[in-house]
Amino acid sequence: MQHSYEVKFGLHKMWGGLDLLLSLEASYSVITRHPHMYPSIYKQVKRHLIRRFPYGVFYVVDEDKKEVIELAVLYTKSHPTRWISRTTS
């Protein structure tokens, strides 16, 4: 899964919660081990909802490279199609 430590530090600092950071790490671990476990919500984009927090990890699976590509971690109450622009690149 592609994600940077800078992003993680930013989340920790912004929301001030180690719990959110740990929940996000747990989500990455589950997604990496079972990338097809979660439903596609738009074309090939899948979403994993983070436990205890109103955020979702949006990602796609590249079957050729055998990798998971994170598109966004977003607040689930935000506009439902906000992440779609990230799928075109």
Protein backbone atom coordinates (compact mmCIF):
# COMPACT_ATOMS: atom_id res chain seq x y z
CA MET A 1 0.00 0.00 0.00
CA GLN A 2 1.36 3.40 -0.88
CA HIS A 3 1.19 5.94 1.93
CA SER A 4 3.73 8.23 3.48
CA TYR A 5 4.78 8.80 7.04
CA GLU A 6 4.33 12.53 6.46
CA VAL A 7 0.62 11.97 5.86
CA LYS A 8 0.32 9.83 8.98
CA PHE A 9 2.11 12.45 11.08
CA GLY A 10 -0.17 15.11 9.65
CA LEU A 11 -3.25 13.12 10.64
CA HIS A 12 -1.91 12.54 14.12
CA LYS A 13 -1.12 16.21 14.60
CA MET A 14 -4.31 17.50 13.00
CA TRP A 15 -6.77 15.36 14.95
CA GLY A 16 -4.56 14.94 17.97
CA GLY A 17 -5.39 11.30 18.32
CA LEU A 18 -3.13 8.34 18.56
CA ASP A 19 -6.31 6.24 18.41
CA LEU A 20 -7.05 7.50 14.90
CA LEU A 21 -3.50 6.79 13.80
CA LEU A 22 -3.65 3.26 15.21
CA SER A 23 -7.04 2.64 13.59
CA LEU A 24 -5.68 3.83 10.27
CA GLU A 25 -2.68 1.50 10.59
CA ALA A 26 -5.03 -1.39 11.38
CA SER A 27 -7.08 -0.52 8.29
CA TYR A 28 -3.97 -0.53 6.09
CA SER A 29 -3.00 -3.91 7.50
CA VAL A 30 -6.40 -5.47 6.76
CA ILE A 31 -6.60 -3.93 3.28
CA THR A 32 -3.10 -5.15 2.43
CA ARG A 33 -3.87 -8.71 3.52
CA HIS A 34 -7.39 -8.85 2.03
CA PRO A 35 -7.70 -6.19 -0.69
CA HIS A 36 -10.83 -7.71 -2.23
CA MET A 37 -12.69 -7.97 1.07
CA TYR A 38 -14.42 -4.61 0.68
CA PRO A 39 -17.03 -3.73 -1.95
CA SER A 40 -16.39 -1.60 -5.00
CA ILE A 41 -18.33 1.61 -4.62
CA TYR A 42 -17.45 3.20 -7.97
CA LYS A 43 -15.91 1.34 -10.88
CA GLN A 44 -12.83 -0.32 -9.31
CA VAL A 45 -12.64 1.96 -6.26
CA LYS A 46 -13.12 0.20 -2.94
CA ARG A 47 -13.80 1.73 0.46
CA HIS A 48 -12.84 0.51 3.93
CA LEU A 49 -14.57 2.30 6.80
CA ILE A 50 -12.29 3.02 9.75
CA ARG A 51 -13.59 1.65 13.04
CA ARG A 52 -14.63 4.19 15.68
CA PHE A 53 -14.04 7.14 13.35
CA PRO A 54 -16.17 8.65 10.56
CA TYR A 55 -13.46 8.20 7.91
CA GLY A 56 -13.00 5.86 4.99
CA VAL A 57 -9.94 4.65 3.11
CA PHE A 58 -10.59 4.75 -0.64
CA TYR A 59 -8.31 2.54 -2.73
CA VAL A 60 -7.89 0.52 -5.92
CA VAL A 61 -6.17 -2.81 -6.46
CA ASP A 62 -3.63 -3.07 -9.28
CA GLU A 63 -3.79 -6.76 -10.18
CA ASP A 64 -0.82 -6.58 -12.55
CA LYS A 65 1.54 -5.13 -9.96
CA LYS A 66 -0.12 -6.92 -7.04
CA GLU A 67 -0.40 -3.69 -5.08
CA VAL A 68 -3.01 -1.58 -3.34
CA ILE A 69 -3.04 2.12 -4.19
CA GLU A 70 -4.57 4.49 -1.67
CA LEU A 71 -6.58 7.28 -3.27
CA ALA A 72 -7.79 9.11 -0.18
CA VAL A 73 -8.67 9.02 3.49
CA LEU A 74 -11.78 11.16 3.80
CA TYR A 75 -14.41 12.17 6.30
CA THR A 76 -17.45 10.09 5.39
CA LYS A 77 -19.88 12.98 5.85
CA SER A 78 -18.17 15.01 3.11
CA HIS A 79 -19.49 15.14 -0.44
CA PRO A 80 -19.81 11.50 -1.56
CA THR A 81 -18.04 11.99 -4.91
CA ARG A 82 -15.18 14.20 -3.72
CA TRP A 83 -12.62 11.42 -4.24
CA ILE A 84 -13.70 10.54 -7.81
CA SER A 85 -11.32 13.08 -9.37
CA ARG A 86 -8.43 11.07 -7.90
CA THR A 87 -9.37 8.00 -9.97
CA THR A 88 -8.57 9.57 -13.34
CA SER A 89 -4.80 9.72 -12.95
